[in-house]
All heavy atoms as atom14 arrays in JSON, in Angstrom:
{
  "sequence": "SPPSCSCSECGMGGLTFDAIPCPRCGSFNLRLITGRELEIESVELDEE",
  "atom14_mask": [
    [1, 1, 1, 1, 1, 1, 0, 0, 0, 0, 0, 0, 0, 0],
    [1, 1, 1, 1, 1, 1, 1, 0, 0, 0, 0, 0, 0, 0],
    [1, 1, 1, 1, 1, 1, 1, 0, 0, 0, 0, 0, 0, 0],
    [1, 1, 1, 1, 1, 1, 0, 0, 0, 0, 0, 0, 0, 0],
    [1, 1, 1, 1, 1, 1, 0, 0, 0, 0, 0, 0, 0, 0],
    [1, 1, 1, 1, 1, 1, 0, 0, 0, 0, 0, 0, 0, 0],
    [1, 1, 1, 1, 1, 1, 0, 0, 0, 0, 0, 0, 0, 0],
    [1, 1, 1, 1, 1, 1, 0, 0, 0, 0, 0, 0, 0, 0],
    [1, 1, 1, 1, 1, 1, 1, 1, 1, 0, 0, 0, 0, 0],
    [1, 1, 1, 1, 1, 1, 0, 0, 0, 0, 0, 0, 0, 0],
    [1, 1, 1, 1, 0, 0, 0, 0, 0, 0, 0, 0, 0, 0],
    [1, 1, 1, 1, 1, 1, 1, 1, 0, 0, 0, 0, 0, 0],
    [1, 1, 1, 1, 0, 0, 0, 0, 0, 0, 0, 0, 0, 0],
    [1, 1, 1, 1, 0, 0, 0, 0, 0, 0, 0, 0, 0, 0],
    [1, 1, 1, 1, 1, 1, 1, 1, 0, 0, 0, 0, 0, 0],
    [1, 1, 1, 1, 1, 1, 1, 0, 0, 0, 0, 0, 0, 0],
    [1, 1, 1, 1, 1, 1, 1, 1, 1, 1, 1, 0, 0, 0],
    [1, 1, 1, 1, 1, 1, 1, 1, 0, 0, 0, 0, 0, 0],
    [1, 1, 1, 1, 1, 0, 0, 0, 0, 0, 0, 0, 0, 0],
    [1, 1, 1, 1, 1, 1, 1, 1, 0, 0, 0, 0, 0, 0],
    [1, 1, 1, 1, 1, 1, 1, 0, 0, 0, 0, 0, 0, 0],
    [1, 1, 1, 1, 1, 1, 0, 0, 0, 0, 0, 0, 0, 0],
    [1, 1, 1, 1, 1, 1, 1, 0, 0, 0, 0, 0, 0, 0],
    [1, 1, 1, 1, 1, 1, 1, 1, 1, 1, 1, 0, 0, 0],
    [1, 1, 1, 1, 1, 1, 0, 0, 0, 0, 0, 0, 0, 0],
    [1, 1, 1, 1, 0, 0, 0, 0, 0, 0, 0, 0, 0, 0],
    [1, 1, 1, 1, 1, 1, 0, 0, 0, 0, 0, 0, 0, 0],
    [1, 1, 1, 1, 1, 1, 1, 1, 1, 1, 1, 0, 0, 0],
    [1, 1, 1, 1, 1, 1, 1, 1, 0, 0, 0, 0, 0, 0],
    [1, 1, 1, 1, 1, 1, 1, 1, 0, 0, 0, 0, 0, 0],
    [1, 1, 1, 1, 1, 1, 1, 1, 1, 1, 1, 0, 0, 0],
    [1, 1, 1, 1, 1, 1, 1, 1, 0, 0, 0, 0, 0, 0],
    [1, 1, 1, 1, 1, 1, 1, 1, 0, 0, 0, 0, 0, 0],
    [1, 1, 1, 1, 1, 1, 1, 0, 0, 0, 0, 0, 0, 0],
    [1, 1, 1, 1, 0, 0, 0, 0, 0, 0, 0, 0, 0, 0],
    [1, 1, 1, 1, 1, 1, 1, 1, 1, 1, 1, 0, 0, 0],
    [1, 1, 1, 1, 1, 1, 1, 1, 1, 0, 0, 0, 0, 0],
    [1, 1, 1, 1, 1, 1, 1, 1, 0, 0, 0, 0, 0, 0],
    [1, 1, 1, 1, 1, 1, 1, 1, 1, 0, 0, 0, 0, 0],
    [1, 1, 1, 1, 1, 1, 1, 1, 0, 0, 0, 0, 0, 0],
    [1, 1, 1, 1, 1, 1, 1, 1, 1, 0, 0, 0, 0, 0],
    [1, 1, 1, 1, 1, 1, 0, 0, 0, 0, 0, 0, 0, 0],
    [1, 1, 1, 1, 1, 1, 1, 0, 0, 0, 0, 0, 0, 0],
    [1, 1, 1, 1, 1, 1, 1, 1, 1, 0, 0, 0, 0, 0],
    [1, 1, 1, 1, 1, 1, 1, 1, 0, 0, 0, 0, 0, 0],
    [1, 1, 1, 1, 1, 1, 1, 1, 0, 0, 0, 0, 0, 0],
    [1, 1, 1, 1, 1, 1, 1, 1, 1, 0, 0, 0, 0, 0],
    [1, 1, 1, 1, 1, 1, 1, 1, 1, 0, 0, 0, 0, 0]
  ],
  "atom14_positions": [
    [[-62.38, -38.7, -53.34], [-61.69, -39.29, -54.49], [-61.97, -38.44, -55.73], [-63.11, -38.31, -56.14], [-62.2, -40.71, -54.69], [-61.6, -41.31, -55.79], [0.0, 0.0, 0.0], [0.0, 0.0, 0.0], [0.0, 0.0, 0.0], [0.0, 0.0, 0.0], [0.0, 0.0, 0.0], [0.0, 0.0, 0.0], [0.0, 0.0, 0.0], [0.0, 0.0, 0.0]],
    [[-60.93, -37.86, -56.31], [-61.14, -37.03, -57.51], [-61.49, -37.9, -58.72], [-61.15, -39.08, -58.77], [-59.79, -36.34, -57.7], [-58.81, -37.27, -57.09], [-59.53, -37.95, -55.95], [0.0, 0.0, 0.0], [0.0, 0.0, 0.0], [0.0, 0.0, 0.0], [0.0, 0.0, 0.0], [0.0, 0.0, 0.0], [0.0, 0.0, 0.0], [0.0, 0.0, 0.0]],
    [[-62.15, -37.31, -59.68], [-62.49, -38.08, -60.88], [-61.29, -38.26, -61.79], [-60.39, -37.43, -61.84], [-63.54, -37.2, -61.56], [-63.21, -35.82, -61.12], [-62.66, -35.94, -59.73], [0.0, 0.0, 0.0], [0.0, 0.0, 0.0], [0.0, 0.0, 0.0], [0.0, 0.0, 0.0], [0.0, 0.0, 0.0], [0.0, 0.0, 0.0], [0.0, 0.0, 0.0]],
    [[-61.29, -39.38, -62.46], [-60.32, -39.59, -63.54], [-61.05, -40.29, -64.68], [-62.02, -41.0, -64.47], [-59.11, -40.41, -63.07], [-59.48, -41.74, -62.79], [0.0, 0.0, 0.0], [0.0, 0.0, 0.0], [0.0, 0.0, 0.0], [0.0, 0.0, 0.0], [0.0, 0.0, 0.0], [0.0, 0.0, 0.0], [0.0, 0.0, 0.0], [0.0, 0.0, 0.0]],
    [[-60.56, -40.05, -65.87], [-61.21, -40.57, -67.08], [-60.18, -41.23, -67.97], [-58.98, -41.05, -67.81], [-61.84, -39.42, -67.87], [-62.98, -38.42, -66.94], [0.0, 0.0, 0.0], [0.0, 0.0, 0.0], [0.0, 0.0, 0.0], [0.0, 0.0, 0.0], [0.0, 0.0, 0.0], [0.0, 0.0, 0.0], [0.0, 0.0, 0.0], [0.0, 0.0, 0.0]],
    [[-60.7, -41.98, -68.93], [-59.86, -42.47, -70.02], [-60.58, -42.2, -71.33], [-61.8, -42.06, -71.36], [-59.57, -43.97, -69.86], [-60.75, -44.72, -70.05], [0.0, 0.0, 0.0], [0.0, 0.0, 0.0], [0.0, 0.0, 0.0], [0.0, 0.0, 0.0], [0.0, 0.0, 0.0], [0.0, 0.0, 0.0], [0.0, 0.0, 0.0], [0.0, 0.0, 0.0]],
    [[-59.83, -42.11, -72.36], [-60.4, -41.86, -73.68], [-60.95, -43.16, -74.23], [-60.26, -44.19, -74.27], [-59.33, -41.3, -74.62], [-59.95, -41.02, -76.29], [0.0, 0.0, 0.0], [0.0, 0.0, 0.0], [0.0, 0.0, 0.0], [0.0, 0.0, 0.0], [0.0, 0.0, 0.0], [0.0, 0.0, 0.0], [0.0, 0.0, 0.0], [0.0, 0.0, 0.0]],
    [[-62.21, -43.14, -74.64], [-62.84, -44.34, -75.2], [-62.32, -44.67, -76.59], [-62.49, -45.79, -77.05], [-64.36, -44.16, -75.25], [-64.88, -44.02, -73.96], [0.0, 0.0, 0.0], [0.0, 0.0, 0.0], [0.0, 0.0, 0.0], [0.0, 0.0, 0.0], [0.0, 0.0, 0.0], [0.0, 0.0, 0.0], [0.0, 0.0, 0.0], [0.0, 0.0, 0.0]],
    [[-61.69, -43.73, -77.24], [-61.18, -43.95, -78.6], [-59.76, -44.51, -78.61], [-59.5, -45.54, -79.22], [-61.23, -42.65, -79.41], [-62.61, -42.03, -79.53], [-63.61, -42.95, -80.22], [-63.24, -43.64, -81.19], [-64.78, -42.97, -79.78], [0.0, 0.0, 0.0], [0.0, 0.0, 0.0], [0.0, 0.0, 0.0], [0.0, 0.0, 0.0], [0.0, 0.0, 0.0]],
    [[-58.84, -43.85, -77.91], [-57.43, -44.27, -77.97], [-56.95, -44.95, -76.7], [-55.85, -45.48, -76.65], [-56.53, -43.09, -78.32], [-56.34, -41.88, -76.98], [0.0, 0.0, 0.0], [0.0, 0.0, 0.0], [0.0, 0.0, 0.0], [0.0, 0.0, 0.0], [0.0, 0.0, 0.0], [0.0, 0.0, 0.0], [0.0, 0.0, 0.0], [0.0, 0.0, 0.0]],
    [[-57.76, -44.88, -75.63], [-57.4, -45.56, -74.38], [-56.51, -44.78, -73.45], [-56.12, -45.28, -72.4], [0.0, 0.0, 0.0], [0.0, 0.0, 0.0], [0.0, 0.0, 0.0], [0.0, 0.0, 0.0], [0.0, 0.0, 0.0], [0.0, 0.0, 0.0], [0.0, 0.0, 0.0], [0.0, 0.0, 0.0], [0.0, 0.0, 0.0], [0.0, 0.0, 0.0]],
    [[-56.17, -43.55, -73.82], [-55.31, -42.76, -72.94], [-55.98, -42.59, -71.58], [-57.14, -42.23, -71.49], [-55.02, -41.39, -73.55], [-54.08, -40.55, -72.72], [-53.65, -39.02, -73.59], [-52.47, -38.35, -72.45], [0.0, 0.0, 0.0], [0.0, 0.0, 0.0], [0.0, 0.0, 0.0], [0.0, 0.0, 0.0], [0.0, 0.0, 0.0], [0.0, 0.0, 0.0]],
    [[-55.26, -42.89, -70.51], [-55.8, -42.8, -69.16], [-55.26, -41.62, -68.4], [-54.44, -40.85, -68.9], [0.0, 0.0, 0.0], [0.0, 0.0, 0.0], [0.0, 0.0, 0.0], [0.0, 0.0, 0.0], [0.0, 0.0, 0.0], [0.0, 0.0, 0.0], [0.0, 0.0, 0.0], [0.0, 0.0, 0.0], [0.0, 0.0, 0.0], [0.0, 0.0, 0.0]],
    [[-55.73, -41.47, -67.16], [-55.26, -40.4, -66.29], [-55.76, -39.03, -66.68], [-55.17, -38.02, -66.31], [0.0, 0.0, 0.0], [0.0, 0.0, 0.0], [0.0, 0.0, 0.0], [0.0, 0.0, 0.0], [0.0, 0.0, 0.0], [0.0, 0.0, 0.0], [0.0, 0.0, 0.0], [0.0, 0.0, 0.0], [0.0, 0.0, 0.0], [0.0, 0.0, 0.0]],
    [[-56.87, -38.99, -67.43], [-57.4, -37.71, -67.87], [-58.44, -37.19, -66.87], [-58.97, -37.94, -66.07], [-58.08, -37.88, -69.24], [-57.21, -38.4, -70.37], [-58.06, -38.65, -71.6], [-56.09, -37.44, -70.68], [0.0, 0.0, 0.0], [0.0, 0.0, 0.0], [0.0, 0.0, 0.0], [0.0, 0.0, 0.0], [0.0, 0.0, 0.0], [0.0, 0.0, 0.0]],
    [[-58.71, -35.91, -66.96], [-59.82, -35.31, -66.23], [-60.74, -34.69, -67.26], [-60.38, -34.57, -68.44], [-59.34, -34.23, -65.24], [-58.78, -33.15, -65.99], [-58.32, -34.76, -64.26], [0.0, 0.0, 0.0], [0.0, 0.0, 0.0], [0.0, 0.0, 0.0], [0.0, 0.0, 0.0], [0.0, 0.0, 0.0], [0.0, 0.0, 0.0], [0.0, 0.0, 0.0]],
    [[-61.92, -34.28, -66.81], [-62.84, -33.66, -67.75], [-62.3, -32.32, -68.25], [-62.78, -31.79, -69.24], [-64.22, -33.49, -67.13], [-64.96, -34.79, -67.04], [-65.39, -35.28, -65.82], [-65.23, -35.54, -68.17], [-66.07, -36.47, -65.74], [-65.92, -36.73, -68.11], [-66.34, -37.2, -66.88], [0.0, 0.0, 0.0], [0.0, 0.0, 0.0], [0.0, 0.0, 0.0]],
    [[-61.3, -31.79, -67.57], [-60.64, -30.57, -68.04], [-59.83, -30.84, -69.31], [-59.45, -29.91, -70.01], [-59.73, -30.0, -66.96], [-60.48, -29.58, -65.72], [-61.68, -29.28, -65.82], [-59.85, -29.55, -64.64], [0.0, 0.0, 0.0], [0.0, 0.0, 0.0], [0.0, 0.0, 0.0], [0.0, 0.0, 0.0], [0.0, 0.0, 0.0], [0.0, 0.0, 0.0]],
    [[-59.55, -32.12, -69.58], [-58.7, -32.49, -70.71], [-59.5, -32.71, -71.99], [-58.99, -33.3, -72.93], [-57.91, -33.75, -70.36], [0.0, 0.0, 0.0], [0.0, 0.0, 0.0], [0.0, 0.0, 0.0], [0.0, 0.0, 0.0], [0.0, 0.0, 0.0], [0.0, 0.0, 0.0], [0.0, 0.0, 0.0], [0.0, 0.0, 0.0], [0.0, 0.0, 0.0]],
    [[-60.74, -32.27, -72.03], [-61.55, -32.47, -73.23], [-61.13, -31.42, -74.26], [-61.07, -30.24, -73.92], [-63.06, -32.34, -72.92], [-63.46, -33.46, -71.98], [-63.89, -32.37, -74.18], [-64.89, -33.38, -71.5], [0.0, 0.0, 0.0], [0.0, 0.0, 0.0], [0.0, 0.0, 0.0], [0.0, 0.0, 0.0], [0.0, 0.0, 0.0], [0.0, 0.0, 0.0]],
    [[-60.87, -31.77, -75.46], [-60.83, -33.11, -76.01], [-59.55, -33.84, -75.59], [-58.62, -33.25, -75.05], [-60.84, -32.88, -77.52], [-60.15, -31.58, -77.7], [-60.54, -30.76, -76.48], [0.0, 0.0, 0.0], [0.0, 0.0, 0.0], [0.0, 0.0, 0.0], [0.0, 0.0, 0.0], [0.0, 0.0, 0.0], [0.0, 0.0, 0.0], [0.0, 0.0, 0.0]],
    [[-59.53, -35.16, -75.85], [-58.36, -35.97, -75.5], [-57.12, -35.37, -76.14], [-57.11, -35.07, -77.34], [-58.57, -37.4, -76.0], [-57.1, -38.45, -75.83], [0.0, 0.0, 0.0], [0.0, 0.0, 0.0], [0.0, 0.0, 0.0], [0.0, 0.0, 0.0], [0.0, 0.0, 0.0], [0.0, 0.0, 0.0], [0.0, 0.0, 0.0], [0.0, 0.0, 0.0]],
    [[-56.07, -35.16, -75.35], [-54.86, -34.54, -75.91], [-54.14, -35.44, -76.92], [-53.37, -34.95, -77.73], [-53.97, -34.29, -74.68], [-54.56, -35.08, -73.58], [-55.98, -35.37, -73.91], [0.0, 0.0, 0.0], [0.0, 0.0, 0.0], [0.0, 0.0, 0.0], [0.0, 0.0, 0.0], [0.0, 0.0, 0.0], [0.0, 0.0, 0.0], [0.0, 0.0, 0.0]],
    [[-54.4, -36.73, -76.89], [-53.72, -37.64, -77.82], [-54.45, -37.73, -79.17], [-53.84, -37.64, -80.22], [-53.6, -39.03, -77.22], [-52.88, -40.0, -78.17], [-52.86, -41.43, -77.67], [-51.97, -41.55, -76.51], [-52.03, -42.56, -75.66], [-52.92, -43.52, -75.81], [-51.2, -42.62, -74.64], [0.0, 0.0, 0.0], [0.0, 0.0, 0.0], [0.0, 0.0, 0.0]],
    [[-55.8, -37.94, -79.13], [-56.5, -38.2, -80.39], [-57.58, -37.17, -80.73], [-58.15, -37.21, -81.82], [-57.12, -39.6, -80.38], [-58.54, -39.76, -79.28], [0.0, 0.0, 0.0], [0.0, 0.0, 0.0], [0.0, 0.0, 0.0], [0.0, 0.0, 0.0], [0.0, 0.0, 0.0], [0.0, 0.0, 0.0], [0.0, 0.0, 0.0], [0.0, 0.0, 0.0]],
    [[-57.88, -36.26, -79.79], [-58.86, -35.22, -80.06], [-60.31, -35.64, -79.84], [-61.23, -34.87, -80.08], [0.0, 0.0, 0.0], [0.0, 0.0, 0.0], [0.0, 0.0, 0.0], [0.0, 0.0, 0.0], [0.0, 0.0, 0.0], [0.0, 0.0, 0.0], [0.0, 0.0, 0.0], [0.0, 0.0, 0.0], [0.0, 0.0, 0.0], [0.0, 0.0, 0.0]],
    [[-60.54, -36.86, -79.34], [-61.9, -37.35, -79.11], [-62.55, -36.64, -77.92], [-61.88, -36.28, -76.95], [-61.87, -38.85, -78.85], [-63.15, -39.31, -78.46], [0.0, 0.0, 0.0], [0.0, 0.0, 0.0], [0.0, 0.0, 0.0], [0.0, 0.0, 0.0], [0.0, 0.0, 0.0], [0.0, 0.0, 0.0], [0.0, 0.0, 0.0], [0.0, 0.0, 0.0]],
    [[-63.85, -36.49, -78.0], [-64.63, -35.94, -76.88], [-65.27, -37.07, -76.07], [-66.04, -36.82, -75.16], [-65.71, -34.99, -77.4], [-65.15, -33.68, -77.87], [-64.66, -33.54, -79.15], [-65.09, -32.6, -77.01], [-64.14, -32.33, -79.58], [-64.57, -31.39, -77.42], [-64.09, -31.25, -78.72], [0.0, 0.0, 0.0], [0.0, 0.0, 0.0], [0.0, 0.0, 0.0]],
    [[-64.99, -38.3, -76.42], [-65.63, -39.46, -75.83], [-64.77, -40.0, -74.67], [-63.97, -40.91, -74.85], [-65.83, -40.53, -76.91], [-66.73, -41.64, -76.45], [-67.3, -41.6, -75.36], [-66.85, -42.67, -77.28], [0.0, 0.0, 0.0], [0.0, 0.0, 0.0], [0.0, 0.0, 0.0], [0.0, 0.0, 0.0], [0.0, 0.0, 0.0], [0.0, 0.0, 0.0]],
    [[-64.96, -39.4, -73.49], [-64.22, -39.83, -72.3], [-65.11, -40.68, -71.41], [-66.31, -40.48, -71.33], [-63.71, -38.62, -71.52], [-62.76, -37.67, -72.24], [-62.29, -36.58, -71.29], [-61.58, -38.41, -72.83], [0.0, 0.0, 0.0], [0.0, 0.0, 0.0], [0.0, 0.0, 0.0], [0.0, 0.0, 0.0], [0.0, 0.0, 0.0], [0.0, 0.0, 0.0]],
    [[-64.49, -41.66, -70.75], [-65.21, -42.57, -69.87], [-64.7, -42.36, -68.44], [-63.5, -42.39, -68.19], [-64.96, -44.0, -70.32], [-65.67, -45.05, -69.52], [-65.52, -46.43, -70.15], [-64.19, -46.69, -70.67], [-63.27, -47.45, -70.07], [-63.53, -48.02, -68.94], [-62.09, -47.63, -70.61], [0.0, 0.0, 0.0], [0.0, 0.0, 0.0], [0.0, 0.0, 0.0]],
    [[-65.64, -42.16, -67.51], [-65.3, -41.95, -66.11], [-64.78, -43.25, -65.51], [-65.43, -44.29, -65.59], [-66.53, -41.46, -65.33], [-66.31, -41.0, -63.9], [-65.4, -39.77, -63.85], [-67.64, -40.69, -63.24], [0.0, 0.0, 0.0], [0.0, 0.0, 0.0], [0.0, 0.0, 0.0], [0.0, 0.0, 0.0], [0.0, 0.0, 0.0], [0.0, 0.0, 0.0]],
    [[-63.58, -43.22, -64.92], [-62.98, -44.4, -64.32], [-63.15, -44.35, -62.8], [-63.55, -45.33, -62.18], [-61.47, -44.49, -64.66], [-61.28, -44.53, -66.18], [-60.83, -45.69, -63.99], [-61.88, -45.72, -66.87], [0.0, 0.0, 0.0], [0.0, 0.0, 0.0], [0.0, 0.0, 0.0], [0.0, 0.0, 0.0], [0.0, 0.0, 0.0], [0.0, 0.0, 0.0]],
    [[-62.79, -43.24, -62.2], [-62.98, -43.06, -60.75], [-63.75, -41.77, -60.51], [-63.73, -40.87, -61.34], [-61.63, -42.99, -59.99], [-60.9, -41.85, -60.45], [-60.8, -44.24, -60.18], [0.0, 0.0, 0.0], [0.0, 0.0, 0.0], [0.0, 0.0, 0.0], [0.0, 0.0, 0.0], [0.0, 0.0, 0.0], [0.0, 0.0, 0.0], [0.0, 0.0, 0.0]],
    [[-64.38, -41.71, -59.37], [-65.13, -40.51, -59.01], [-66.54, -40.82, -58.54], [-67.21, -39.97, -58.0], [0.0, 0.0, 0.0], [0.0, 0.0, 0.0], [0.0, 0.0, 0.0], [0.0, 0.0, 0.0], [0.0, 0.0, 0.0], [0.0, 0.0, 0.0], [0.0, 0.0, 0.0], [0.0, 0.0, 0.0], [0.0, 0.0, 0.0], [0.0, 0.0, 0.0]],
    [[-66.99, -42.07, -58.74], [-68.33, -42.45, -58.31], [-68.31, -43.41, -57.12], [-69.35, -43.83, -56.65], [-69.09, -43.13, -59.45], [-69.63, -42.16, -60.44], [-70.48, -42.87, -61.45], [-69.71, -42.84, -62.69], [-69.75, -43.74, -63.64], [-70.5, -44.78, -63.52], [-69.03, -43.6, -64.71], [0.0, 0.0, 0.0], [0.0, 0.0, 0.0], [0.0, 0.0, 0.0]],
    [[-67.13, -43.76, -56.65], [-67.03, -44.79, -55.63], [-67.46, -44.32, -54.24], [-67.44, -43.14, -53.93], [-65.61, -45.37, -55.55], [-64.52, -44.38, -55.28], [-64.06, -43.64, -56.51], [-64.32, -44.04, -57.65], [-63.43, -42.61, -56.31], [0.0, 0.0, 0.0], [0.0, 0.0, 0.0], [0.0, 0.0, 0.0], [0.0, 0.0, 0.0], [0.0, 0.0, 0.0]],
    [[-67.86, -45.28, -53.45], [-68.13, -45.1, -52.03], [-67.62, -46.38, -51.4], [-68.27, -47.43, -51.47], [-69.62, -44.89, -51.76], [-70.05, -44.89, -50.3], [-69.26, -43.88, -49.48], [-71.53, -44.61, -50.18], [0.0, 0.0, 0.0], [0.0, 0.0, 0.0], [0.0, 0.0, 0.0], [0.0, 0.0, 0.0], [0.0, 0.0, 0.0], [0.0, 0.0, 0.0]],
    [[-66.43, -46.33, -50.83], [-65.75, -47.52, -50.33], [-65.28, -47.34, -48.9], [-64.85, -46.25, -48.52], [-64.53, -47.85, -51.2], [-64.88, -48.14, -52.63], [-63.65, -48.32, -53.5], [-62.61, -47.7, -53.24], [-63.76, -49.1, -54.46], [0.0, 0.0, 0.0], [0.0, 0.0, 0.0], [0.0, 0.0, 0.0], [0.0, 0.0, 0.0], [0.0, 0.0, 0.0]],
    [[-65.38, -48.41, -48.15], [-64.8, -48.44, -46.82], [-63.33, -48.76, -47.0], [-62.97, -49.81, -47.51], [-65.47, -49.5, -45.93], [-66.97, -49.21, -45.81], [-64.8, -49.54, -44.56], [-67.77, -50.33, -45.17], [0.0, 0.0, 0.0], [0.0, 0.0, 0.0], [0.0, 0.0, 0.0], [0.0, 0.0, 0.0], [0.0, 0.0, 0.0], [0.0, 0.0, 0.0]],
    [[-62.48, -47.84, -46.63], [-61.04, -48.02, -46.78], [-60.45, -48.81, -45.62], [-59.66, -49.7, -45.82], [-60.34, -46.66, -46.88], [-60.5, -46.0, -48.21], [-59.79, -46.76, -49.32], [-58.61, -47.09, -49.18], [-60.46, -47.04, -50.33], [0.0, 0.0, 0.0], [0.0, 0.0, 0.0], [0.0, 0.0, 0.0], [0.0, 0.0, 0.0], [0.0, 0.0, 0.0]],
    [[-60.82, -48.43, -44.39], [-60.28, -49.14, -43.23], [-61.19, -48.93, -42.03], [-61.99, -48.01, -41.98], [-58.86, -48.66, -42.9], [-58.86, -47.29, -42.55], [0.0, 0.0, 0.0], [0.0, 0.0, 0.0], [0.0, 0.0, 0.0], [0.0, 0.0, 0.0], [0.0, 0.0, 0.0], [0.0, 0.0, 0.0], [0.0, 0.0, 0.0], [0.0, 0.0, 0.0]],
    [[-61.03, -49.85, -41.09], [-61.76, -49.8, -39.83], [-60.74, -50.03, -38.73], [-59.99, -51.0, -38.78], [-62.85, -50.91, -39.78], [-63.52, -50.95, -38.43], [-63.86, -50.71, -40.88], [0.0, 0.0, 0.0], [0.0, 0.0, 0.0], [0.0, 0.0, 0.0], [0.0, 0.0, 0.0], [0.0, 0.0, 0.0], [0.0, 0.0, 0.0], [0.0, 0.0, 0.0]],
    [[-60.68, -49.13, -37.77], [-59.74, -49.26, -36.66], [-60.51, -49.7, -35.41], [-61.53, -49.1, -35.05], [-59.04, -47.93, -36.4], [-57.93, -48.03, -35.39], [-57.18, -46.72, -35.26], [-56.88, -46.1, -36.3], [-56.92, -46.32, -34.12], [0.0, 0.0, 0.0], [0.0, 0.0, 0.0], [0.0, 0.0, 0.0], [0.0, 0.0, 0.0], [0.0, 0.0, 0.0]],
    [[-60.01, -50.75, -34.78], [-60.67, -51.31, -33.61], [-59.93, -50.94, -32.34], [-58.72, -50.71, -32.36], [-60.74, -52.84, -33.71], [-61.42, -53.41, -34.95], [-61.34, -54.92, -34.93], [-62.84, -52.93, -35.04], [0.0, 0.0, 0.0], [0.0, 0.0, 0.0], [0.0, 0.0, 0.0], [0.0, 0.0, 0.0], [0.0, 0.0, 0.0], [0.0, 0.0, 0.0]],
    [[-60.66, -50.92, -31.24], [-60.08, -50.69, -29.92], [-59.69, -52.05, -29.37], [-60.42, -52.66, -28.6], [-61.09, -50.0, -29.02], [-60.5, -49.63, -27.67], [-59.27, -49.61, -27.54], [-61.3, -49.36, -26.75], [0.0, 0.0, 0.0], [0.0, 0.0, 0.0], [0.0, 0.0, 0.0], [0.0, 0.0, 0.0], [0.0, 0.0, 0.0], [0.0, 0.0, 0.0]],
    [[-58.55, -52.56, -29.83], [-58.04, -53.86, -29.42], [-56.52, -53.78, -29.35], [-55.91, -52.85, -29.85], [-58.38, -54.93, -30.46], [-59.83, -55.27, -30.58], [-60.03, -56.41, -31.57], [-59.32, -56.48, -32.58], [-60.88, -57.23, -31.3], [0.0, 0.0, 0.0], [0.0, 0.0, 0.0], [0.0, 0.0, 0.0], [0.0, 0.0, 0.0], [0.0, 0.0, 0.0]],
    [[-55.95, -54.82, -28.82], [-54.49, -54.92, -28.82], [-53.98, -55.34, -30.2], [-52.84, -55.1, -30.54], [-54.05, -55.94, -27.77], [-54.34, -55.52, -26.36], [-53.6, -54.25, -25.97], [-52.43, -54.07, -26.35], [-54.22, -53.42, -25.29], [0.0, 0.0, 0.0], [0.0, 0.0, 0.0], [0.0, 0.0, 0.0], [0.0, 0.0, 0.0], [0.0, 0.0, 0.0]]
  ]
}
């Protein structure tokens, strides 16, 4: 899962750390939204 961030100042989402500063407001204050997760997505069983 790739990381994504949002700007803590203006709320712009869908950013990456490559987008520093925020393209909308120029803030350097980005908040990590995804990129730290460890989730079970699915389990496939040997059943009918």
